[in-house]
C-alpha atoms as a PDB file:
ATOM      1  CA  UNK A   1     141.085 192.661 125.216  1.00  0.00           C
ATOM      2  CA  UNK A   2     139.844 195.269 127.670  1.00  0.00           C
ATOM      3  CA  UNK A   3     136.340 195.117 129.080  1.00  0.00           C
ATOM      4  CA  UNK A   4     134.115 197.060 131.447  1.00  0.00           C
ATOM      5  CA  UNK A   5     131.517 194.282 131.691  1.00  0.00           C
ATOM      6  CA  UNK A   6     133.202 191.094 132.824  1.00  0.00           C
ATOM      7  CA  UNK A   7     130.164 189.089 133.966  1.00  0.00           C
ATOM      8  CA  UNK A   8     130.757 186.043 131.770  1.00  0.00           C
ATOM      9  CA  UNK A   9     128.306 183.542 130.290  1.00  0.00           C
ATOM     10  CA  UNK A  10     128.442 181.288 133.339  1.00  0.00           C
ATOM     11  CA  UNK A  11     127.994 184.112 135.856  1.00  0.00           C
ATOM     12  CA  UNK A  12     125.127 185.681 133.925  1.00  0.00           C
ATOM     13  CA  UNK A  13     123.112 182.473 134.298  1.00  0.00           C
ATOM     14  CA  UNK A  14     123.555 182.124 138.060  1.00  0.00           C
ATOM     15  CA  UNK A  15     121.969 183.590 141.181  1.00  0.00           C
ATOM     16  CA  UNK A  16     125.079 185.165 142.676  1.00  0.00           C
ATOM     17  CA  UNK A  17     125.865 187.416 145.655  1.00  0.00           C
ATOM     18  CA  UNK A  18     126.183 191.112 144.900  1.00  0.00           C
ATOM     19  CA  UNK A  19     129.832 191.303 146.007  1.00  0.00           C
ATOM     20  CA  UNK A  20     130.853 188.638 143.473  1.00  0.00           C
ATOM     21  CA  UNK A  21     128.965 190.208 140.581  1.00  0.00           C
ATOM     22  CA  UNK A  22     130.462 193.604 141.449  1.00  0.00           C
ATOM     23  CA  UNK A  23     133.958 192.067 141.569  1.00  0.00           C
ATOM     24  CA  UNK A  24     133.585 190.505 138.121  1.00  0.00           C
ATOM     25  CA  UNK A  25     132.304 193.797 136.755  1.00  0.00           C
ATOM     26  CA  UNK A  26     135.446 195.711 137.768  1.00  0.00           C
ATOM     27  CA  UNK A  27     137.239 196.601 134.492  1.00  0.00           C
ATOM     28  CA  UNK A  28     140.053 194.262 133.626  1.00  0.00           C
ATOM     29  CA  UNK A  29     142.228 193.302 130.697  1.00  0.00           C
ATOM     30  CA  UNK A  30     141.915 189.694 129.536  1.00  0.00           C
ATOM     31  CA  UNK A  31     144.701 188.984 127.070  1.00  0.00           C
ATOM     32  CA  UNK A  32     147.888 187.148 126.103  1.00  0.00           C
ATOM     33  CA  UNK A  33     151.531 188.138 126.025  1.00  0.00           C
ATOM     34  CA  UNK A  34     154.055 186.230 123.924  1.00  0.00           C
ATOM     35  CA  UNK A  35     157.287 185.302 125.666  1.00  0.00           C
ATOM     36  CA  UNK A  36     159.956 183.452 123.662  1.00  0.00           C
ATOM     37  CA  UNK A  37     157.288 182.375 121.177  1.00  0.00           C
ATOM     38  CA  UNK A  38     154.923 181.019 123.858  1.00  0.00           C
ATOM     39  CA  UNK A  39     151.545 182.596 124.634  1.00  0.00           C
ATOM     40  CA  UNK A  40     150.881 183.380 128.293  1.00  0.00           C
ATOM     41  CA  UNK A  41     147.346 184.215 129.356  1.00  0.00           C
ATOM     42  CA  UNK A  42     146.819 186.927 131.952  1.00  0.00           C
ATOM     43  CA  UNK A  43     144.208 189.146 133.572  1.00  0.00           C
ATOM     44  CA  UNK A  44     145.009 192.709 134.621  1.00  0.00           C
ATOM     45  CA  UNK A  45     143.223 195.156 136.897  1.00  0.00           C
ATOM     46  CA  UNK A  46     143.941 198.634 138.218  1.00  0.00           C
ATOM     47  CA  UNK A  47     145.887 201.600 136.965  1.00  0.00           C
ATOM     48  CA  UNK A  48     149.278 201.381 135.287  1.00  0.00           C
ATOM     49  CA  UNK A  49     151.802 203.185 137.435  1.00  0.00           C
ATOM     50  CA  UNK A  50     150.273 202.077 140.728  1.00  0.00           C
ATOM     51  CA  UNK A  51     152.306 199.672 142.886  1.00  0.00           C
ATOM     52  CA  UNK A  52     152.387 196.375 140.951  1.00  0.00           C
ATOM     53  CA  UNK A  53     151.267 192.956 142.137  1.00  0.00           C
ATOM     54  CA  UNK A  54     151.934 189.651 140.353  1.00  0.00           C
ATOM     55  CA  UNK A  55     149.554 186.798 141.205  1.00  0.00           C
ATOM     56  CA  UNK A  56     149.518 183.124 140.308  1.00  0.00           C
ATOM     57  CA  UNK A  57     147.622 180.005 141.230  1.00  0.00           C
ATOM     58  CA  UNK A  58     147.907 176.419 142.432  1.00  0.00           C
ATOM     59  CA  UNK A  59     148.551 173.253 140.442  1.00  0.00           C
ATOM     60  CA  UNK A  60     146.064 172.646 137.580  1.00  0.00           C
ATOM     61  CA  UNK A  61     144.193 175.842 138.519  1.00  0.00           C
ATOM     62  CA  UNK A  62     144.231 179.147 136.629  1.00  0.00           C
ATOM     63  CA  UNK A  63     144.347 182.908 137.076  1.00  0.00           C
ATOM     64  CA  UNK A  64     140.595 183.147 137.542  1.00  0.00           C
ATOM     65  CA  UNK A  65     140.959 181.917 141.105  1.00  0.00           C
ATOM     66  CA  UNK A  66     141.917 185.559 141.702  1.00  0.00           C
ATOM     67  CA  UNK A  67     139.154 187.019 139.490  1.00  0.00           C
ATOM     68  CA  UNK A  68     137.029 187.673 142.568  1.00  0.00           C
ATOM     69  CA  UNK A  69     139.977 188.604 144.827  1.00  0.00           C
ATOM     70  CA  UNK A  70     142.037 191.063 142.757  1.00  0.00           C
ATOM     71  CA  UNK A  71     139.184 193.549 142.113  1.00  0.00           C
ATOM     72  CA  UNK A  72     139.172 194.441 145.814  1.00  0.00           C
ATOM     73  CA  UNK A  73     142.798 195.573 145.467  1.00  0.00           C
ATOM     74  CA  UNK A  74     142.408 197.269 142.100  1.00  0.00           C
ATOM     75  CA  UNK A  75     141.926 200.836 143.338  1.00  0.00           C
ATOM     76  CA  UNK A  76     145.392 200.904 144.870  1.00  0.00           C
ATOM     77  CA  UNK A  77     147.446 198.500 142.752  1.00  0.00           C
ATOM     78  CA  UNK A  78     148.324 197.483 139.190  1.00  0.00           C
ATOM     79  CA  UNK A  79     147.527 193.764 139.321  1.00  0.00           C
ATOM     80  CA  UNK A  80     148.472 190.964 136.950  1.00  0.00           C
ATOM     81  CA  UNK A  81     147.252 187.394 137.497  1.00  0.00           C
ATOM     82  CA  UNK A  82     148.573 184.875 134.984  1.00  0.00           C
ATOM     83  CA  UNK A  83     148.134 181.210 134.056  1.00  0.00           C
ATOM     84  CA  UNK A  84     151.201 179.078 134.664  1.00  0.00           C
ATOM     85  CA  UNK A  85     152.560 177.285 131.594  1.00  0.00           C
ATOM     86  CA  UNK A  86     150.354 174.390 130.540  1.00  0.00           C
ATOM     87  CA  UNK A  87     147.529 175.460 132.831  1.00  0.00           C
ATOM     88  CA  UNK A  88     144.492 177.606 132.209  1.00  0.00           C
ATOM     89  CA  UNK A  89     144.939 179.159 128.779  1.00  0.00           C
ATOM     90  CA  UNK A  90     148.742 179.481 128.797  1.00  0.00           C
ATOM     91  CA  UNK A  91     150.680 177.306 126.369  1.00  0.00           C
ATOM     92  CA  UNK A  92     152.964 174.577 127.646  1.00  0.00           C
ATOM     93  CA  UNK A  93     156.725 174.899 127.274  1.00  0.00           C
ATOM     94  CA  UNK A  94     159.241 172.084 127.067  1.00  0.00           C
ATOM     95  CA  UNK A  95     161.136 171.225 130.233  1.00  0.00           C
ATOM     96  CA  UNK A  96     158.978 173.492 132.358  1.00  0.00           C
ATOM     97  CA  UNK A  97     159.883 172.763 135.951  1.00  0.00           C
ATOM     98  CA  UNK A  98     161.464 174.380 138.980  1.00  0.00           C
ATOM     99  CA  UNK A  99     163.837 177.106 137.831  1.00  0.00           C
ATOM    100  CA  UNK A 100     162.164 177.294 134.422  1.00  0.00           C
ATOM    101  CA  UNK A 101     158.789 178.178 135.943  1.00  0.00           C
ATOM    102  CA  UNK A 102     160.441 180.739 138.212  1.00  0.00           C
ATOM    103  CA  UNK A 103     162.286 182.266 135.270  1.00  0.00           C
ATOM    104  CA  UNK A 104     158.941 182.368 133.504  1.00  0.00           C
ATOM    105  CA  UNK A 105     157.465 184.352 136.385  1.00  0.00           C
ATOM    106  CA  UNK A 106     160.244 186.924 136.097  1.00  0.00           C
ATOM    107  CA  UNK A 107     159.734 187.013 132.317  1.00  0.00           C
ATOM    108  CA  UNK A 108     156.011 187.724 132.734  1.00  0.00           C
ATOM    109  CA  UNK A 109     156.805 190.630 135.053  1.00  0.00           C
ATOM    110  CA  UNK A 110     159.291 191.958 132.517  1.00  0.00           C
ATOM    111  CA  UNK A 111     156.974 191.539 129.525  1.00  0.00           C
ATOM    112  CA  UNK A 112     154.149 193.398 131.266  1.00  0.00           C
ATOM    113  CA  UNK A 113     156.425 196.215 132.514  1.00  0.00           C
ATOM    114  CA  UNK A 114     155.983 195.476 136.216  1.00  0.00           C
ATOM    115  CA  UNK A 115     159.636 196.345 136.855  1.00  0.00           C
ATOM    116  CA  UNK A 116     159.485 199.706 135.080  1.00  0.00           C
ATOM    117  CA  UNK A 117     158.113 201.831 137.937  1.00  0.00           C
ATOM    118  CA  UNK A 118     159.608 203.098 141.195  1.00  0.00           C
ATOM    119  CA  UNK A 119     157.901 200.406 143.312  1.00  0.00           C
ATOM    120  CA  UNK A 120     159.009 196.791 143.040  1.00  0.00           C
ATOM    121  CA  UNK A 121     156.278 194.252 142.227  1.00  0.00           C
ATOM    122  CA  UNK A 122     155.102 191.992 145.017  1.00  0.00           C
ATOM    123  CA  UNK A 123     154.179 188.360 144.388  1.00  0.00           C
ATOM    124  CA  UNK A 124     151.019 186.730 145.756  1.00  0.00           C
ATOM    125  CA  UNK A 125     150.746 183.019 144.998  1.00  0.00           C
ATOM    126  CA  UNK A 126     148.692 180.025 146.085  1.00  0.00           C
ATOM    127  CA  UNK A 127     149.938 176.492 146.775  1.00  0.00           C
ATOM    128  CA  UNK A 128     152.075 175.216 143.840  1.00  0.00           C
ATOM    129  CA  UNK A 129     152.351 178.801 142.572  1.00  0.00           C
ATOM    130  CA  UNK A 130     153.919 179.724 145.920  1.00  0.00           C
ATOM    131  CA  UNK A 131     156.724 177.274 145.202  1.00  0.00           C
ATOM    132  CA  UNK A 132     157.251 179.023 141.865  1.00  0.00           C
ATOM    133  CA  UNK A 133     157.238 182.382 143.641  1.00  0.00           C
ATOM    134  CA  UNK A 134     159.720 181.183 146.252  1.00  0.00           C
ATOM    135  CA  UNK A 135     162.166 180.076 143.567  1.00  0.00           C
ATOM    136  CA  UNK A 136     161.659 183.347 141.687  1.00  0.00           C
ATOM    137  CA  UNK A 137     162.570 185.220 144.865  1.00  0.00           C
ATOM    138  CA  UNK A 138     165.707 183.091 145.216  1.00  0.00           C
ATOM    139  CA  UNK A 139     166.667 183.807 141.599  1.00  0.00           C
ATOM    140  CA  UNK A 140     165.737 187.491 141.407  1.00  0.00           C
ATOM    141  CA  UNK A 141     164.527 188.593 144.830  1.00  0.00           C
ATOM    142  CA  UNK A 142     166.227 191.967 144.573  1.00  0.00           C
ATOM    143  CA  UNK A 143     163.808 192.842 141.757  1.00  0.00           C
ATOM    144  CA  UNK A 144     160.678 192.070 143.796  1.00  0.00           C
ATOM    145  CA  UNK A 145     159.154 193.801 146.797  1.00  0.00           C
ATOM    146  CA  UNK A 146     158.171 190.635 148.635  1.00  0.00           C
ATOM    147  CA  UNK A 147     156.285 187.342 148.443  1.00  0.00           C
ATOM    148  CA  UNK A 148     152.978 186.393 150.076  1.00  0.00           C
ATOM    149  CA  UNK A 149     152.688 182.618 150.207  1.00  0.00           C
ATOM    150  CA  UNK A 150     149.105 181.349 150.372  1.00  0.00           C
ATOM    151  CA  UNK A 151     148.876 177.859 151.875  1.00  0.00           C
ATOM    152  CA  UNK A 152     151.941 176.153 150.445  1.00  0.00           C
ATOM    153  CA  UNK A 153     152.311 172.613 151.826  1.00  0.00           C
ATOM    154  CA  UNK A 154     154.699 172.807 154.797  1.00  0.00           C
ATOM    155  CA  UNK A 155     154.826 169.787 157.101  1.00  0.00           C
ATOM    156  CA  UNK A 156     157.378 168.320 159.487  1.00  0.00           C
ATOM    157  CA  UNK A 157     159.294 165.449 157.834  1.00  0.00           C
ATOM    158  CA  UNK A 158     157.367 162.709 159.608  1.00  0.00           C
ATOM    159  CA  UNK A 159     154.033 164.299 158.666  1.00  0.00           C
ATOM    160  CA  UNK A 160     155.215 164.830 155.106  1.00  0.00           C
ATOM    161  CA  UNK A 161     156.195 161.159 154.697  1.00  0.00           C
ATOM    162  CA  UNK A 162     152.840 160.109 156.153  1.00  0.00           C
ATOM    163  CA  UNK A 163     151.063 162.435 153.741  1.00  0.00           C
ATOM    164  CA  UNK A 164     152.880 161.003 150.722  1.00  0.00           C
ATOM    165  CA  UNK A 165     152.227 157.449 151.899  1.00  0.00           C
ATOM    166  CA  UNK A 166     148.530 158.112 152.375  1.00  0.00           C
ATOM    167  CA  UNK A 167     147.916 160.097 149.198  1.00  0.00           C
ATOM    168  CA  UNK A 168     150.315 158.176 146.902  1.00  0.00           C
ATOM    169  CA  UNK A 169     152.128 161.337 145.882  1.00  0.00           C
ATOM    170  CA  UNK A 170     152.288 165.109 146.055  1.00  0.00           C
ATOM    171  CA  UNK A 171     149.205 167.283 145.448  1.00  0.00           C
ATOM    172  CA  UNK A 172     148.012 167.040 141.857  1.00  0.00           C
ATOM    173  CA  UNK A 173     149.900 163.895 140.835  1.00  0.00           C
ATOM    174  CA  UNK A 174     148.980 162.410 137.463  1.00  0.00           C
ATOM    175  CA  UNK A 175     150.210 160.726 134.289  1.00  0.00           C
ATOM    176  CA  UNK A 176     152.085 162.971 131.874  1.00  0.00           C
ATOM    177  CA  UNK A 177     151.687 160.664 128.872  1.00  0.00           C
ATOM    178  CA  UNK A 178     147.948 160.069 129.208  1.00  0.00           C
ATOM    179  CA  UNK A 179     145.783 162.359 127.038  1.00  0.00           C
ATOM    180  CA  UNK A 180     143.050 164.271 128.817  1.00  0.00           C
ATOM    181  CA  UNK A 181     139.705 162.504 128.852  1.00  0.00           C
ATOM    182  CA  UNK A 182     136.957 163.843 126.605  1.00  0.00           C
ATOM    183  CA  UNK A 183     133.460 163.851 128.087  1.00  0.00           C
ATOM    184  CA  UNK A 184     130.288 163.931 125.993  1.00  0.00           C
ATOM    185  CA  UNK A 185     128.832 167.041 127.655  1.00  0.00           C
ATOM    186  CA  UNK A 186     129.654 169.717 130.204  1.00  0.00           C
ATOM    187  CA  UNK A 187     127.610 168.135 132.995  1.00  0.00           C
ATOM    188  CA  UNK A 188     129.538 164.871 132.733  1.00  0.00           C
ATOM    189  CA  UNK A 189     132.863 166.693 132.704  1.00  0.00           C
ATOM    190  CA  UNK A 190     131.833 168.888 135.618  1.00  0.00           C
ATOM    191  CA  UNK A 191     131.214 165.853 137.802  1.00  0.00           C
ATOM    192  CA  UNK A 192     134.902 164.948 137.375  1.00  0.00           C
ATOM    193  CA  UNK A 193     136.113 168.305 138.703  1.00  0.00           C
ATOM    194  CA  UNK A 194     137.467 167.875 142.243  1.00  0.00           C
ATOM    195  CA  UNK A 195     139.833 169.750 144.508  1.00  0.00           C
ATOM    196  CA  UNK A 196     143.226 168.490 145.668  1.00  0.00           C
ATOM    197  CA  UNK A 197     143.383 167.879 148.556  1.00  0.00           C
ATOM    198  CA  UNK A 198     139.676 167.025 148.642  1.00  0.00           C
ATOM    199  CA  UNK A 199     137.474 169.373 150.641  1.00  0.00           C
ATOM    200  CA  UNK A 200     133.989 170.786 150.735  1.00  0.00           C
ATOM    201  CA  UNK A 201     133.845 174.477 149.893  1.00  0.00           C
ATOM    202  CA  UNK A 202     131.779 176.974 151.815  1.00  0.00           C
ATOM    203  CA  UNK A 203     130.970 179.012 148.715  1.00  0.00           C
ATOM    204  CA  UNK A 204     129.706 176.375 146.221  1.00  0.00           C
ATOM    205  CA  UNK A 205     129.148 178.951 143.474  1.00  0.00           C
ATOM    206  CA  UNK A 206     132.909 179.639 143.494  1.00  0.00           C
ATOM    207  CA  UNK A 207     133.566 175.934 142.975  1.00  0.00           C
ATOM    208  CA  UNK A 208     131.222 176.089 139.981  1.00  0.00           C
ATOM    209  CA  UNK A 209     133.020 179.154 138.654  1.00  0.00           C
ATOM    210  CA  UNK A 210     136.417 177.473 138.863  1.00  0.00           C
ATOM    211  CA  UNK A 211     135.099 174.283 137.263  1.00  0.00           C
ATOM    212  CA  UNK A 212     133.524 176.170 134.358  1.00  0.00           C
ATOM    213  CA  UNK A 213     136.798 177.935 133.586  1.00  0.00           C
ATOM    214  CA  UNK A 214     138.850 174.728 133.954  1.00  0.00           C
ATOM    215  CA  UNK A 215     137.037 173.057 131.054  1.00  0.00           C
ATOM    216  CA  UNK A 216     136.781 173.732 127.336  1.00  0.00           C
ATOM    217  CA  UNK A 217     134.828 172.460 124.356  1.00  0.00           C
ATOM    218  CA  UNK A 218     136.851 170.197 122.048  1.00  0.00           C
ATOM    219  CA  UNK A 219     136.060 167.863 119.185  1.00  0.00           C
ATOM    220  CA  UNK A 220     133.788 165.214 120.643  1.00  0.00           C
ATOM    221  CA  UNK A 221     132.731 167.041 123.792  1.00  0.00           C
ATOM    222  CA  UNK A 222     134.399 168.715 126.772  1.00  0.00           C
ATOM    223  CA  UNK A 223     137.874 168.317 128.251  1.00  0.00           C
ATOM    224  CA  UNK A 224     140.337 169.961 130.613  1.00  0.00           C
ATOM    225  CA  UNK A 225     142.292 173.073 129.703  1.00  0.00           C
ATOM    226  CA  UNK A 226     145.516 171.892 131.328  1.00  0.00           C
ATOM    227  CA  UNK A 227     148.186 170.116 129.305  1.00  0.00           C
ATOM    228  CA  UNK A 228     148.945 166.638 130.781  1.00  0.00           C
ATOM    229  CA  UNK A 229     152.653 167.313 130.281  1.00  0.00           C
ATOM    230  CA  UNK A 230     152.516 169.480 133.421  1.00  0.00           C
ATOM    231  CA  UNK A 231     152.745 166.220 135.373  1.00  0.00           C
ATOM    232  CA  UNK A 232     156.360 165.848 134.204  1.00  0.00           C
ATOM    233  CA  UNK A 233     157.802 167.729 137.110  1.00  0.00           C
ATOM    234  CA  UNK A 234     160.350 166.969 139.793  1.00  0.00           C
ATOM    235  CA  UNK A 235     159.576 170.118 141.776  1.00  0.00           C
ATOM    236  CA  UNK A 236     157.095 168.084 143.826  1.00  0.00           C
ATOM    237  CA  UNK A 237     159.360 165.211 144.805  1.00  0.00           C
ATOM    238  CA  UNK A 238     159.911 164.530 148.489  1.00  0.00           C
ATOM    239  CA  UNK A 239     163.336 166.143 148.599  1.00  0.00           C
ATOM    240  CA  UNK A 240     161.960 169.430 147.291  1.00  0.00           C
ATOM    241  CA  UNK A 241     159.136 169.418 149.824  1.00  0.00           C
ATOM    242  CA  UNK A 242     161.569 168.597 152.627  1.00  0.00           C
ATOM    243  CA  UNK A 243     163.768 171.546 151.649  1.00  0.00           C
ATOM    244  CA  UNK A 244     160.932 174.069 151.356  1.00  0.00           C
ATOM    245  CA  UNK A 245     160.620 175.024 155.069  1.00  0.00           C
ATOM    246  CA  UNK A 246     164.310 175.908 155.408  1.00  0.00           C
ATOM    247  CA  UNK A 247     164.272 177.757 152.076  1.00  0.00           C
ATOM    248  CA  UNK A 248     161.410 179.889 153.340  1.00  0.00           C
ATOM    249  CA  UNK A 249     163.170 180.660 156.607  1.00  0.00           C
ATOM    250  CA  UNK A 250     166.474 181.441 154.867  1.00  0.00           C
ATOM    251  CA  UNK A 251     165.041 183.697 152.164  1.00  0.00           C
ATOM    252  CA  UNK A 252     166.768 187.099 152.593  1.00  0.00           C
ATOM    253  CA  UNK A 253     163.773 188.971 151.186  1.00  0.00           C
ATOM    254  CA  UNK A 254     160.415 190.053 152.537  1.00  0.00           C
ATOM    255  CA  UNK A 255     157.950 187.178 152.908  1.00  0.00           C
ATOM    256  CA  UNK A 256     154.634 186.521 154.648  1.00  0.00           C
ATOM    257  CA  UNK A 257     152.362 183.488 154.854  1.00  0.00           C
ATOM    258  CA  UNK A 258     148.567 183.398 154.718  1.00  0.00           C
ATOM    259  CA  UNK A 259     146.916 180.029 155.267  1.00  0.00           C
ATOM    260  CA  UNK A 260     143.583 178.386 155.968  1.00  0.00           C
ATOM    261  CA  UNK A 261     143.108 177.764 159.679  1.00  0.00           C
ATOM    262  CA  UNK A 262     141.654 174.338 158.821  1.00  0.00           C
ATOM    263  CA  UNK A 263     144.104 173.492 156.048  1.00  0.00           C
ATOM    264  CA  UNK A 264     145.520 169.984 155.854  1.00  0.00           C
ATOM    265  CA  UNK A 265     148.720 171.226 154.184  1.00  0.00           C
ATOM    266  CA  UNK A 266     149.656 174.165 156.405  1.00  0.00           C
ATOM    267  CA  UNK A 267     148.400 174.451 159.978  1.00  0.00           C
ATOM    268  CA  UNK A 268     149.450 175.699 163.396  1.00  0.00           C
ATOM    269  CA  UNK A 269     152.084 173.001 163.687  1.00  0.00           C
ATOM    270  CA  UNK A 270     153.498 174.064 160.308  1.00  0.00           C
ATOM    271  CA  UNK A 271     153.843 177.598 161.658  1.00  0.00           C
ATOM    272  CA  UNK A 272     155.535 176.282 164.797  1.00  0.00           C
ATOM    273  CA  UNK A 273     157.920 174.220 162.696  1.00  0.00           C
ATOM    274  CA  UNK A 274     158.961 177.272 160.670  1.00  0.00           C
ATOM    275  CA  UNK A 275     159.573 179.232 163.879  1.00  0.00           C
ATOM    276  CA  UNK A 276     161.712 176.395 165.242  1.00  0.00           C
ATOM    277  CA  UNK A 277     163.801 176.531 162.055  1.00  0.00           C
ATOM    278  CA  UNK A 278     164.416 180.246 162.586  1.00  0.00           C
ATOM    279  CA  UNK A 279     161.309 181.817 161.065  1.00  0.00           C
ATOM    280  CA  UNK A 280     160.035 183.784 164.059  1.00  0.00           C
ATOM    281  CA  UNK A 281     160.344 186.952 161.974  1.00  0.00           C
ATOM    282  CA  UNK A 282     157.783 185.743 159.425  1.00  0.00           C
ATOM    283  CA  UNK A 283     154.189 187.007 159.620  1.00  0.00           C
ATOM    284  CA  UNK A 284     151.886 183.964 159.461  1.00  0.00           C
ATOM    285  CA  UNK A 285     148.181 184.743 159.258  1.00  0.00           C
ATOM    286  CA  UNK A 286     145.477 182.085 159.597  1.00  0.00           C
ATOM    287  CA  UNK A 287     142.227 182.760 157.742  1.00  0.00           C
ATOM    288  CA  UNK A 288     139.493 181.493 160.107  1.00  0.00           C
ATOM    289  CA  UNK A 289     137.204 178.694 158.948  1.00  0.00           C
ATOM    290  CA  UNK A 290     139.121 178.166 155.682  1.00  0.00           C
ATOM    291  CA  UNK A 291     140.873 175.083 154.326  1.00  0.00           C
ATOM    292  CA  UNK A 292     143.609 174.846 151.692  1.00  0.00           C
ATOM    293  CA  UNK A 293     141.522 176.436 148.935  1.00  0.00           C
ATOM    294  CA  UNK A 294     140.977 179.472 151.101  1.00  0.00           C
ATOM    295  CA  UNK A 295     139.737 181.714 148.269  1.00  0.00           C
ATOM    296  CA  UNK A 296     136.848 179.285 147.775  1.00  0.00           C
ATOM    297  CA  UNK A 297     136.033 179.174 151.497  1.00  0.00           C
ATOM    298  CA  UNK A 298     136.592 182.690 152.816  1.00  0.00           C
ATOM    299  CA  UNK A 299     137.339 184.975 149.849  1.00  0.00           C
ATOM    300  CA  UNK A 300     136.619 188.266 151.619  1.00  0.00           C
ATOM    301  CA  UNK A 301     138.630 187.253 154.682  1.00  0.00           C
ATOM    302  CA  UNK A 302     141.503 186.384 152.336  1.00  0.00           C
ATOM    303  CA  UNK A 303     141.218 189.864 150.807  1.00  0.00           C
ATOM    304  CA  UNK A 304     141.462 191.381 154.290  1.00  0.00           C
ATOM    305  CA  UNK A 305     144.552 189.327 155.131  1.00  0.00           C
ATOM    306  CA  UNK A 306     146.263 190.331 151.876  1.00  0.00           C
ATOM    307  CA  UNK A 307     145.351 193.975 152.393  1.00  0.00           C
ATOM    308  CA  UNK A 308     146.848 193.865 155.883  1.00  0.00           C
ATOM    309  CA  UNK A 309     150.190 192.476 154.735  1.00  0.00           C
ATOM    310  CA  UNK A 310     150.404 194.853 151.767  1.00  0.00           C
ATOM    311  CA  UNK A 311     149.510 197.861 153.912  1.00  0.00           C
ATOM    312  CA  UNK A 312     152.286 197.024 156.378  1.00  0.00           C
ATOM    313  CA  UNK A 313     154.794 196.554 153.575  1.00  0.00           C
ATOM    314  CA  UNK A 314     153.692 199.720 151.795  1.00  0.00           C
ATOM    315  CA  UNK A 315     154.370 201.783 154.920  1.00  0.00           C
ATOM    316  CA  UNK A 316     157.627 199.979 155.787  1.00  0.00           C
ATOM    317  CA  UNK A 317     161.071 200.940 154.559  1.00  0.00           C
ATOM    318  CA  UNK A 318     162.515 197.534 155.285  1.00  0.00           C
END
């Protein structure tokens, strides 16, 4: 479904800044593509034939975390942001973990013709989605033009073990066999919406926007859009997190990192650790005054950081 008036029911009822309203009003496609019998939800901005970008989100989030970021890139790029399987409005698939999610990312790019032009698509991904993007680059990096990781958890081993001990598990842990709770009304459900890791956001209306699009009406009230089976994943075990820094450093393809300067999952010491492992060649850009959910803290600064990396890559032959 294509639209030239994207200000949705929630946004229309709020007192919102002009930049956000203008971003939502940039024409976009809001649709589904079927891949191996499974529906994948995506949003698309920009002109077909422009350099392609493929965007995805963190754990239990959805493509709309880029709904107010992508429009600022839409004049120059053909942009697809999609919901990972079992999250947002994308259907769950059996055995969806690690390589399967990465293969799914490649399949989305294929299904939406992002590989058909002369310029290779670049991946921009946040948190858990960055892990998917990293694996996709390891599987099919020659087909992509680069990966921008946005605040993936990278910690020295001793800090990682302390993090797991303190939080009882990786970000977004939960029970795969427990059905989602059903709340009697939206307000009750909304009060259960929290960020992981917990943080205050500097743009509260963006928190409200993400919460609204994370919930849906069901029989008996309101519940979450995500499928609880997404918790059946080994990609977040300690071994995988321990391997991630070296995998980043060893990736033979173009990669950059953008992170919140106040993030608890990637900070200055994380950057130093990557350099010690051999990652001095990697651009690592801190977004000032932002935490892990940097698009909810400093969305326009995040846009500037992404523009900077893309501009350098677009003018580089490497």
